C-alpha cells in the first residue's frame, strides 16, 4: 500500500476543486 499515490490523488482532486470553484 502506497499512501503517496493516495496523497497525490487527493492533492490533485483538491487542487482541481480549488481551481474550479463551483458556486
C-alpha atoms as a PDB file:
ATOM      1  CA  UNK A   1       0.000   0.000   0.000  1.00  0.00           C
ATOM      2  CA  UNK A   2       1.481   3.311  -1.093  1.00  0.00           C
ATOM      3  CA  UNK A   3      -0.092   6.322   0.612  1.00  0.00           C
ATOM      4  CA  UNK A   4       1.982   8.621  -1.581  1.00  0.00           C
ATOM      5  CA  UNK A   5      -0.244   7.887  -4.557  1.00  0.00           C
ATOM      6  CA  UNK A   6      -3.304   8.455  -2.396  1.00  0.00           C
ATOM      7  CA  UNK A   7      -1.997  11.812  -1.174  1.00  0.00           C
ATOM      8  CA  UNK A   8      -1.102  12.829  -4.709  1.00  0.00           C
ATOM      9  CA  UNK A   9      -4.591  11.914  -5.936  1.00  0.00           C
ATOM     10  CA  UNK A  10      -6.157  13.843  -3.063  1.00  0.00           C
ATOM     11  CA  UNK A  11      -3.985  16.870  -3.767  1.00  0.00           C
ATOM     12  CA  UNK A  12      -4.874  16.733  -7.447  1.00  0.00           C
ATOM     13  CA  UNK A  13      -8.573  16.448  -6.638  1.00  0.00           C
ATOM     14  CA  UNK A  14      -8.418  19.251  -4.091  1.00  0.00           C
ATOM     15  CA  UNK A  15      -6.393  21.405  -6.478  1.00  0.00           C
ATOM     16  CA  UNK A  16      -8.883  20.833  -9.273  1.00  0.00           C
ATOM     17  CA  UNK A  17     -11.786  21.715  -6.994  1.00  0.00           C
ATOM     18  CA  UNK A  18      -9.985  24.824  -5.766  1.00  0.00           C
ATOM     19  CA  UNK A  19      -9.143  25.850  -9.328  1.00  0.00           C
ATOM     20  CA  UNK A  20     -12.720  25.302 -10.463  1.00  0.00           C
ATOM     21  CA  UNK A  21     -14.927  26.966  -7.827  1.00  0.00           C
ATOM     22  CA  UNK A  22     -18.448  25.546  -8.084  1.00  0.00           C
ATOM     23  CA  UNK A  23     -20.640  28.150  -6.515  1.00  0.00           C
END
